[in-house]
Structure formats: C-alpha cells, structure tokens
Amino acid sequence: MATTPTPAAPNDLLKLENQLCFPFYAVSRQLTKAYQPYLQVLGLTYPQYLVFLLLWEHEQLTVKELGKQLLLDSGTLTPLLKRMEQKQWLSRSRDPRDERSVIIALRPAGRALESQACDIPNQILAKMNLTPPELDTLRAQLHHMLTQLT
C-alpha cells in the first residue's frame, strides 16, 4: 500500500508573501499600466516616455548616456530609438568627435509632446494617494536600493 508523502513545511524564506522582489514586480507592472491611458493619447509607449523625460531635460544625449540613465543596453535602445526617429520625434547622428558614438537629439515634434505630457506625473500621483513627504521618502528609498543593486 503506497502512502502519500506529507508535504514538507514551507520554508518561510521561500513564501511569496516574504519576498521583497514580488511587491516590486507587481507595483512596477501596475504603475506602468497606470501610465498607459495617458501615454496612449500621445502615441507613446512607457519606454519611449522614459527616453523623452531625459531628452526634455537635456535636449540631446548619446545612446550610451541614455542607456546608462535608463539602465538599458544599446541592443534594447536602438530599435526603440529607430521607431522614435521614424515618427520624427528625435534624430540620430554620429558624433563628429567620435564616430562610434551616436547622438540622440530632440526634434520639434518631440519637443511638442512635452507640453502634452506635463500633467501625467500629477495624474499618476493622484492615483497613488501619497502625501508629498511619503513620496519623497519612497523615492529616496528606491534610489538608494537601486544604487546598491547597480
């Protein structure tokens, strides 16, 4: 007569509820999802929005600088940037000082999206229902964790 093995007591360290990674994963997905309706109006994907945030601040950056800031490699960025260039939002050109380097520069159509995107952060913050001090604390903690992991 075969006996059914008794399941081992779960290791508390391996319970989903005790994982730090899961809430980050779930929040990241939900936060990105919250951005979608606002970005869809502008015809942007979330990664394109992140590129624009940097370009609206700096006007032009190299692919390497964009990758460093966004924690993305050039293999991920290049197709994204090519699609954005096709939409006339930005230009890509070789750096005359270093032919290996590609400069990404904002074009007028890309600059025009900035005014349309201005209220997106406020819309997202309203959904999160955080006080300014809570937001500042959370942002500081996340930046600290990110620097520890990169």
N, C-alpha and C. Protein backbone atom coordinates (compact mmCIF):
# COMPACT_ATOMS: atom_id res chain seq x y z
N MET A 1 0.84 -1.17 0.00
CA MET A 1 0.00 0.00 0.00
C MET A 1 0.89 1.24 0.00
N ALA A 2 0.71 2.09 -1.01
CA ALA A 2 1.53 3.30 -1.14
C ALA A 2 0.99 4.39 -0.23
N THR A 3 1.90 5.12 0.33
CA THR A 3 1.48 6.24 1.17
C THR A 3 1.74 7.53 0.44
N THR A 4 0.88 8.47 0.67
CA THR A 4 1.05 9.79 0.07
C THR A 4 2.06 10.57 0.90
N PRO A 5 3.10 11.09 0.24
CA PRO A 5 4.09 11.83 1.03
C PRO A 5 3.46 13.08 1.65
N THR A 6 3.86 13.36 2.85
CA THR A 6 3.39 14.55 3.54
C THR A 6 4.21 15.73 3.03
N PRO A 7 3.51 16.80 2.60
CA PRO A 7 4.29 17.95 2.12
C PRO A 7 5.16 18.51 3.24
N ALA A 8 6.34 18.90 2.86
CA ALA A 8 7.26 19.50 3.83
C ALA A 8 6.71 20.85 4.26
N ALA A 9 7.00 21.21 5.48
CA ALA A 9 6.60 22.53 5.94
C ALA A 9 7.29 23.56 5.07
N PRO A 10 6.54 24.54 4.58
CA PRO A 10 7.17 25.52 3.69
C PRO A 10 8.26 26.32 4.39
N ASN A 11 9.29 26.55 3.66
CA ASN A 11 10.38 27.39 4.15
C ASN A 11 9.88 28.83 4.11
N ASP A 12 9.84 29.48 5.25
CA ASP A 12 9.33 30.86 5.33
C ASP A 12 10.05 31.80 4.37
N LEU A 13 11.34 31.55 4.15
CA LEU A 13 12.09 32.41 3.24
C LEU A 13 11.60 32.30 1.80
N LEU A 14 10.95 31.17 1.48
CA LEU A 14 10.51 30.96 0.11
C LEU A 14 9.01 31.19 -0.08
N LYS A 15 8.36 31.77 0.88
CA LYS A 15 6.95 32.12 0.72
C LYS A 15 6.87 33.41 -0.09
N LEU A 16 5.94 33.45 -1.01
CA LEU A 16 5.77 34.63 -1.85
C LEU A 16 5.57 35.89 -1.01
N GLU A 17 4.78 35.78 0.03
CA GLU A 17 4.48 36.95 0.87
C GLU A 17 5.71 37.50 1.57
N ASN A 18 6.78 36.73 1.66
CA ASN A 18 8.00 37.18 2.31
C ASN A 18 9.06 37.67 1.33
N GLN A 19 8.76 37.66 0.07
CA GLN A 19 9.71 38.08 -0.95
C GLN A 19 9.68 39.59 -1.13
N LEU A 20 10.82 40.19 -1.20
CA LEU A 20 10.91 41.62 -1.49
C LEU A 20 10.69 41.87 -2.99
N CYS A 21 11.13 40.92 -3.81
CA CYS A 21 11.05 41.10 -5.26
C CYS A 21 9.61 41.15 -5.77
N PHE A 22 8.70 40.38 -5.17
CA PHE A 22 7.35 40.32 -5.72
C PHE A 22 6.60 41.65 -5.63
N PRO A 23 6.58 42.33 -4.49
CA PRO A 23 5.87 43.62 -4.49
C PRO A 23 6.47 44.62 -5.48
N PHE A 24 7.79 44.59 -5.64
CA PHE A 24 8.41 45.49 -6.63
C PHE A 24 7.94 45.14 -8.04
N TYR A 25 7.95 43.86 -8.35
CA TYR A 25 7.50 43.39 -9.66
C TYR A 25 6.04 43.80 -9.89
N ALA A 26 5.18 43.52 -8.92
CA ALA A 26 3.76 43.81 -9.07
C ALA A 26 3.50 45.31 -9.15
N VAL A 27 4.15 46.09 -8.31
CA VAL A 27 3.97 47.55 -8.34
C VAL A 27 4.48 48.10 -9.66
N SER A 28 5.61 47.62 -10.13
CA SER A 28 6.16 48.09 -11.40
C SER A 28 5.16 47.84 -12.53
N ARG A 29 4.61 46.65 -12.57
CA ARG A 29 3.63 46.33 -13.62
C ARG A 29 2.39 47.20 -13.51
N GLN A 30 1.89 47.38 -12.30
CA GLN A 30 0.67 48.18 -12.10
C GLN A 30 0.92 49.66 -12.37
N LEU A 31 2.08 50.14 -11.99
CA LEU A 31 2.41 51.54 -12.23
C LEU A 31 2.55 51.81 -13.72
N THR A 32 3.23 50.92 -14.42
CA THR A 32 3.36 51.06 -15.88
C THR A 32 1.98 51.01 -16.52
N LYS A 33 1.13 50.13 -16.04
CA LYS A 33 -0.25 50.03 -16.55
C LYS A 33 -1.03 51.32 -16.29
N ALA A 34 -0.80 51.96 -15.16
CA ALA A 34 -1.48 53.22 -14.83
C ALA A 34 -1.09 54.33 -15.80
N TYR A 35 0.13 54.29 -16.31
CA TYR A 35 0.60 55.29 -17.27
C TYR A 35 -0.03 55.11 -18.66
N GLN A 36 -0.39 53.88 -19.00
CA GLN A 36 -0.82 53.56 -20.36
C GLN A 36 -1.90 54.47 -20.93
N PRO A 37 -3.00 54.74 -20.23
CA PRO A 37 -4.03 55.57 -20.86
C PRO A 37 -3.54 56.99 -21.20
N TYR A 38 -2.68 57.53 -20.37
CA TYR A 38 -2.15 58.88 -20.61
C TYR A 38 -1.16 58.88 -21.77
N LEU A 39 -0.32 57.86 -21.82
CA LEU A 39 0.68 57.78 -22.89
C LEU A 39 0.04 57.40 -24.22
N GLN A 40 -1.00 56.60 -24.17
CA GLN A 40 -1.69 56.18 -25.39
C GLN A 40 -2.23 57.39 -26.15
N VAL A 41 -2.73 58.37 -25.42
CA VAL A 41 -3.24 59.60 -26.05
C VAL A 41 -2.14 60.29 -26.85
N LEU A 42 -0.91 60.19 -26.37
CA LEU A 42 0.24 60.81 -27.04
C LEU A 42 0.89 59.89 -28.07
N GLY A 43 0.42 58.66 -28.14
CA GLY A 43 1.02 57.70 -29.06
C GLY A 43 2.36 57.18 -28.58
N LEU A 44 2.58 57.18 -27.26
CA LEU A 44 3.86 56.77 -26.68
C LEU A 44 3.74 55.46 -25.93
N THR A 45 4.82 54.70 -25.94
CA THR A 45 4.95 53.57 -25.03
C THR A 45 5.66 54.08 -23.77
N TYR A 46 5.62 53.27 -22.73
CA TYR A 46 6.30 53.68 -21.50
C TYR A 46 7.81 53.86 -21.70
N PRO A 47 8.51 52.94 -22.37
CA PRO A 47 9.95 53.17 -22.60
C PRO A 47 10.22 54.44 -23.42
N GLN A 48 9.36 54.75 -24.39
CA GLN A 48 9.53 56.00 -25.16
C GLN A 48 9.36 57.21 -24.25
N TYR A 49 8.41 57.13 -23.34
CA TYR A 49 8.19 58.22 -22.38
C TYR A 49 9.45 58.44 -21.53
N LEU A 50 10.08 57.36 -21.10
CA LEU A 50 11.30 57.49 -20.31
C LEU A 50 12.41 58.17 -21.11
N VAL A 51 12.54 57.81 -22.37
CA VAL A 51 13.53 58.47 -23.24
C VAL A 51 13.21 59.96 -23.32
N PHE A 52 11.94 60.28 -23.53
CA PHE A 52 11.56 61.69 -23.62
C PHE A 52 11.84 62.45 -22.33
N LEU A 53 11.62 61.84 -21.19
CA LEU A 53 11.90 62.53 -19.93
C LEU A 53 13.34 63.02 -19.91
N LEU A 54 14.26 62.18 -20.37
CA LEU A 54 15.67 62.59 -20.41
C LEU A 54 15.94 63.64 -21.48
N LEU A 55 15.33 63.46 -22.65
CA LEU A 55 15.57 64.42 -23.74
C LEU A 55 14.93 65.77 -23.45
N TRP A 56 13.77 65.79 -22.82
CA TRP A 56 13.15 67.07 -22.46
C TRP A 56 14.02 67.82 -21.47
N GLU A 57 14.77 67.09 -20.68
CA GLU A 57 15.66 67.71 -19.70
C GLU A 57 17.00 68.13 -20.32
N HIS A 58 17.53 67.30 -21.24
CA HIS A 58 18.90 67.53 -21.74
C HIS A 58 18.99 67.93 -23.22
N GLU A 59 17.90 67.83 -23.96
CA GLU A 59 17.85 68.18 -25.39
C GLU A 59 18.56 67.16 -26.28
N GLN A 60 19.74 66.73 -25.88
CA GLN A 60 20.43 65.67 -26.63
C GLN A 60 21.36 64.90 -25.70
N LEU A 61 21.48 63.62 -26.00
CA LEU A 61 22.35 62.72 -25.24
C LEU A 61 22.86 61.65 -26.18
N THR A 62 23.94 61.02 -25.82
CA THR A 62 24.40 59.88 -26.62
C THR A 62 23.58 58.65 -26.23
N VAL A 63 23.58 57.65 -27.11
CA VAL A 63 22.89 56.40 -26.80
C VAL A 63 23.48 55.81 -25.51
N LYS A 64 24.78 55.92 -25.37
CA LYS A 64 25.44 55.39 -24.17
C LYS A 64 24.93 56.10 -22.91
N GLU A 65 24.79 57.43 -22.98
CA GLU A 65 24.28 58.18 -21.82
C GLU A 65 22.83 57.81 -21.52
N LEU A 66 22.02 57.68 -22.56
CA LEU A 66 20.63 57.26 -22.37
C LEU A 66 20.58 55.89 -21.70
N GLY A 67 21.37 54.97 -22.22
CA GLY A 67 21.41 53.62 -21.66
C GLY A 67 21.83 53.60 -20.20
N LYS A 68 22.82 54.40 -19.89
CA LYS A 68 23.30 54.47 -18.51
C LYS A 68 22.21 55.00 -17.59
N GLN A 69 21.53 56.06 -18.00
CA GLN A 69 20.47 56.67 -17.18
C GLN A 69 19.26 55.75 -17.03
N LEU A 70 18.91 55.05 -18.11
CA LEU A 70 17.71 54.21 -18.11
C LEU A 70 18.00 52.75 -17.73
N LEU A 71 19.27 52.44 -17.53
CA LEU A 71 19.70 51.07 -17.22
C LEU A 71 19.27 50.11 -18.32
N LEU A 72 19.49 50.54 -19.57
CA LEU A 72 19.17 49.72 -20.74
C LEU A 72 20.40 49.62 -21.63
N ASP A 73 20.58 48.48 -22.29
CA ASP A 73 21.72 48.34 -23.20
C ASP A 73 21.35 48.87 -24.59
N SER A 74 22.36 49.09 -25.41
CA SER A 74 22.11 49.67 -26.73
C SER A 74 21.29 48.74 -27.62
N GLY A 75 21.37 47.43 -27.38
CA GLY A 75 20.56 46.49 -28.15
C GLY A 75 19.07 46.66 -27.89
N THR A 76 18.72 47.10 -26.71
CA THR A 76 17.33 47.38 -26.36
C THR A 76 16.94 48.77 -26.84
N LEU A 77 17.84 49.73 -26.67
CA LEU A 77 17.54 51.12 -27.03
C LEU A 77 17.47 51.37 -28.53
N THR A 78 18.36 50.76 -29.30
CA THR A 78 18.45 51.07 -30.73
C THR A 78 17.13 50.89 -31.48
N PRO A 79 16.42 49.76 -31.34
CA PRO A 79 15.15 49.64 -32.07
C PRO A 79 14.10 50.66 -31.58
N LEU A 80 14.11 50.92 -30.30
CA LEU A 80 13.20 51.91 -29.72
C LEU A 80 13.47 53.29 -30.31
N LEU A 81 14.74 53.67 -30.36
CA LEU A 81 15.13 54.98 -30.89
C LEU A 81 14.86 55.08 -32.39
N LYS A 82 15.05 53.99 -33.12
CA LYS A 82 14.76 53.99 -34.56
C LYS A 82 13.27 54.26 -34.81
N ARG A 83 12.40 53.63 -34.01
CA ARG A 83 10.96 53.87 -34.15
C ARG A 83 10.61 55.32 -33.83
N MET A 84 11.27 55.86 -32.82
CA MET A 84 11.01 57.26 -32.44
C MET A 84 11.52 58.21 -33.52
N GLU A 85 12.62 57.86 -34.16
CA GLU A 85 13.16 58.67 -35.26
C GLU A 85 12.20 58.64 -36.45
N GLN A 86 11.63 57.47 -36.75
CA GLN A 86 10.68 57.36 -37.86
C GLN A 86 9.46 58.26 -37.65
N LYS A 87 9.12 58.49 -36.39
CA LYS A 87 7.98 59.37 -36.08
C LYS A 87 8.39 60.85 -36.03
N GLN A 88 9.66 61.11 -36.37
CA GLN A 88 10.19 62.49 -36.41
C GLN A 88 10.26 63.14 -35.02
N TRP A 89 10.31 62.34 -33.96
CA TRP A 89 10.40 62.87 -32.61
C TRP A 89 11.83 63.19 -32.21
N LEU A 90 12.77 62.49 -32.81
CA LEU A 90 14.18 62.70 -32.48
C LEU A 90 15.03 62.37 -33.70
N SER A 91 16.28 62.76 -33.61
CA SER A 91 17.23 62.42 -34.67
C SER A 91 18.38 61.64 -34.06
N ARG A 92 18.98 60.81 -34.90
CA ARG A 92 20.16 60.04 -34.51
C ARG A 92 21.27 60.41 -35.48
N SER A 93 22.42 60.76 -34.93
CA SER A 93 23.56 61.10 -35.79
C SER A 93 24.85 60.70 -35.11
N ARG A 94 25.84 60.41 -35.93
CA ARG A 94 27.17 60.06 -35.40
C ARG A 94 27.81 61.31 -34.81
N ASP A 95 28.48 61.13 -33.70
CA ASP A 95 29.22 62.23 -33.07
C ASP A 95 30.45 62.50 -33.93
N PRO A 96 30.61 63.73 -34.45
CA PRO A 96 31.77 64.01 -35.29
C PRO A 96 33.11 63.86 -34.55
N ARG A 97 33.08 63.96 -33.23
CA ARG A 97 34.30 63.81 -32.44
C ARG A 97 34.64 62.35 -32.17
N ASP A 98 33.60 61.46 -32.27
CA ASP A 98 33.80 60.03 -32.02
C ASP A 98 32.77 59.26 -32.83
N GLU A 99 33.17 58.75 -33.97
CA GLU A 99 32.26 58.07 -34.90
C GLU A 99 31.56 56.87 -34.27
N ARG A 100 32.10 56.33 -33.19
CA ARG A 100 31.47 55.17 -32.54
C ARG A 100 30.25 55.59 -31.73
N SER A 101 30.15 56.85 -31.42
CA SER A 101 29.09 57.37 -30.56
C SER A 101 27.94 57.95 -31.39
N VAL A 102 26.70 57.63 -30.98
CA VAL A 102 25.51 58.14 -31.66
C VAL A 102 24.82 59.14 -30.75
N ILE A 103 24.56 60.33 -31.30
CA ILE A 103 23.89 61.38 -30.55
C ILE A 103 22.39 61.34 -30.86
N ILE A 104 21.60 61.36 -29.81
CA ILE A 104 20.15 61.40 -29.93
C ILE A 104 19.73 62.82 -29.56
N ALA A 105 19.05 63.49 -30.50
CA ALA A 105 18.64 64.88 -30.28
C ALA A 105 17.14 65.01 -30.47
N LEU A 106 16.55 65.84 -29.65
CA LEU A 106 15.12 66.11 -29.71
C LEU A 106 14.79 66.92 -30.95
N ARG A 107 13.72 66.57 -31.63
CA ARG A 107 13.24 67.33 -32.79
C ARG A 107 11.99 68.09 -32.36
N PRO A 108 11.54 69.06 -33.15
CA PRO A 108 10.37 69.86 -32.76
C PRO A 108 9.13 69.02 -32.41
N ALA A 109 8.87 67.97 -33.17
CA ALA A 109 7.69 67.13 -32.88
C ALA A 109 7.83 66.46 -31.51
N GLY A 110 9.04 66.09 -31.14
CA GLY A 110 9.28 65.51 -29.83
C GLY A 110 9.17 66.54 -28.73
N ARG A 111 9.66 67.72 -28.98
CA ARG A 111 9.55 68.82 -28.01
C ARG A 111 8.09 69.17 -27.78
N ALA A 112 7.27 69.12 -28.84
CA ALA A 112 5.85 69.47 -28.73
C ALA A 112 5.10 68.52 -27.80
N LEU A 113 5.56 67.30 -27.70
CA LEU A 113 4.90 66.34 -26.82
C LEU A 113 5.06 66.69 -25.34
N GLU A 114 6.10 67.46 -25.04
CA GLU A 114 6.38 67.79 -23.63
C GLU A 114 5.19 68.51 -22.99
N SER A 115 4.65 69.50 -23.65
CA SER A 115 3.53 70.25 -23.06
C SER A 115 2.31 69.36 -22.88
N GLN A 116 2.14 68.40 -23.77
CA GLN A 116 1.01 67.48 -23.67
C GLN A 116 1.20 66.46 -22.54
N ALA A 117 2.44 66.22 -22.17
CA ALA A 117 2.75 65.22 -21.14
C ALA A 117 2.87 65.82 -19.75
N CYS A 118 2.83 67.15 -19.65
CA CYS A 118 3.11 67.84 -18.38
C CYS A 118 2.27 67.36 -17.20
N ASP A 119 1.04 67.00 -17.43
CA ASP A 119 0.18 66.66 -16.30
C ASP A 119 0.22 65.17 -15.94
N ILE A 120 0.91 64.36 -16.73
CA ILE A 120 0.95 62.93 -16.45
C ILE A 120 1.46 62.62 -15.04
N PRO A 121 2.57 63.20 -14.60
CA PRO A 121 3.04 62.88 -13.24
C PRO A 121 1.99 63.19 -12.16
N ASN A 122 1.29 64.30 -12.30
CA ASN A 122 0.25 64.64 -11.32
C ASN A 122 -0.90 63.65 -11.34
N GLN A 123 -1.27 63.20 -12.53
CA GLN A 123 -2.34 62.20 -12.65
C GLN A 123 -1.94 60.90 -11.95
N ILE A 124 -0.71 60.50 -12.15
CA ILE A 124 -0.23 59.26 -11.53
C ILE A 124 -0.13 59.41 -10.02
N LEU A 125 0.38 60.54 -9.57
CA LEU A 125 0.48 60.77 -8.12
C LEU A 125 -0.89 60.76 -7.46
N ALA A 126 -1.89 61.32 -8.13
CA ALA A 126 -3.24 61.32 -7.59
C ALA A 126 -3.75 59.89 -7.41
N LYS A 127 -3.41 59.01 -8.35
CA LYS A 127 -3.83 57.60 -8.24
C LYS A 127 -3.14 56.90 -7.07
N MET A 128 -1.93 57.32 -6.76
CA MET A 128 -1.16 56.65 -5.72
C MET A 128 -1.57 57.12 -4.32
N ASN A 129 -2.18 58.28 -4.22
CA ASN A 129 -2.68 58.78 -2.94
C ASN A 129 -1.59 58.85 -1.87
N LEU A 130 -0.43 59.36 -2.25
CA LEU A 130 0.68 59.55 -1.32
C LEU A 130 0.81 61.03 -0.99
N THR A 131 1.18 61.31 0.25
CA THR A 131 1.46 62.70 0.62
C THR A 131 2.84 63.06 0.05
N PRO A 132 3.11 64.34 -0.14
CA PRO A 132 4.46 64.72 -0.62
C PRO A 132 5.60 64.15 0.23
N PRO A 133 5.51 64.20 1.57
CA PRO A 133 6.60 63.60 2.35
C PRO A 133 6.72 62.08 2.14
N GLU A 134 5.58 61.39 2.02
CA GLU A 134 5.62 59.95 1.76
C GLU A 134 6.29 59.67 0.41
N LEU A 135 5.94 60.46 -0.58
CA LEU A 135 6.52 60.30 -1.91
C LEU A 135 8.03 60.55 -1.87
N ASP A 136 8.45 61.60 -1.19
CA ASP A 136 9.89 61.90 -1.09
C ASP A 136 10.64 60.76 -0.40
N THR A 137 10.07 60.23 0.67
CA THR A 137 10.71 59.12 1.40
C THR A 137 10.79 57.88 0.52
N LEU A 138 9.70 57.55 -0.14
CA LEU A 138 9.69 56.38 -1.02
C LEU A 138 10.69 56.52 -2.14
N ARG A 139 10.72 57.68 -2.79
CA ARG A 139 11.66 57.91 -3.89
C ARG A 139 13.10 57.78 -3.41
N ALA A 140 13.40 58.34 -2.25
CA ALA A 140 14.77 58.26 -1.70
C ALA A 140 15.14 56.80 -1.41
N GLN A 141 14.22 56.05 -0.84
CA GLN A 141 14.50 54.64 -0.54
C GLN A 141 14.72 53.84 -1.82
N LEU A 142 13.90 54.09 -2.82
CA LEU A 142 14.05 53.37 -4.08
C LEU A 142 15.36 53.72 -4.78
N HIS A 143 15.72 55.00 -4.79
CA HIS A 143 17.00 55.39 -5.39
C HIS A 143 18.17 54.75 -4.63
N HIS A 144 18.07 54.70 -3.32
CA HIS A 144 19.13 54.07 -2.52
C HIS A 144 19.25 52.59 -2.88
N MET A 145 18.11 51.91 -2.95
CA MET A 145 18.14 50.48 -3.30
C MET A 145 18.72 50.28 -4.69
N LEU A 146 18.32 51.12 -5.61
CA LEU A 146 18.81 51.00 -6.99
C LEU A 146 20.32 51.18 -7.06
N THR A 147 20.85 52.14 -6.33
CA THR A 147 22.30 52.32 -6.36
C THR A 147 23.02 51.14 -5.72
N GLN A 148 22.40 50.51 -4.75
CA GLN A 148 23.01 49.33 -4.13
C GLN A 148 23.04 48.14 -5.08
N LEU A 149 22.05 48.05 -5.97
CA LEU A 149 21.92 46.90 -6.84
C LEU A 149 22.63 47.07 -8.19
N THR A 150 23.00 48.29 -8.53
CA THR A 150 23.64 48.50 -9.84
C THR A 150 25.13 48.74 -9.69
